[in-house]
């Protein structure tokens, strides 16, 4: 069982990750960003989960990250998140199964701030095992699902009905 992780890349990213909860108290970073850093892959995006956020906090976070201001996406009557120009976010649609606990969505330049009514419940509902890794006030947490998926090289997806499949 090979469970080697790229902790060097993770440690290099820690100054930014430690700054985020200073700006957004209670925030956690979860999913693909950490997975990709730990596995030595190219990072595609960063998902930051909070239970509330102010415009001032978003502006401070964007400045700290050196990115343009976050764009707000609103939940429409159709169940999809769209920005002020009417552009739908393909990750957060009624059909994706990812919007059940999302109250607000702000997108940066590859960074998402997701406001959810329960960070823990949202995290438990992640659809695949290899995204169940997070960083917050308790440091880095590698869940058994994440470690098992990495060790077996098997991705297990949970569909919207709660069933599991794999590849």
Foldseek 3Di string as FASTA:
>chain_A
DDQAWQVVLVVVCVVLQVVLCVLAPPKKKFFQQVLCSGHVHDGQAIEIEHQDDDLVSQVVSCVSVVWPGWFWWAQDPQQFTATPVRHTDVCGGPQNLLCPFFHIWTDIPRYIYTHGNDPVVSLVQAFKLLGNWMADPVGTDRDPSNSVCVVVVKIWGQDSVRDIDID
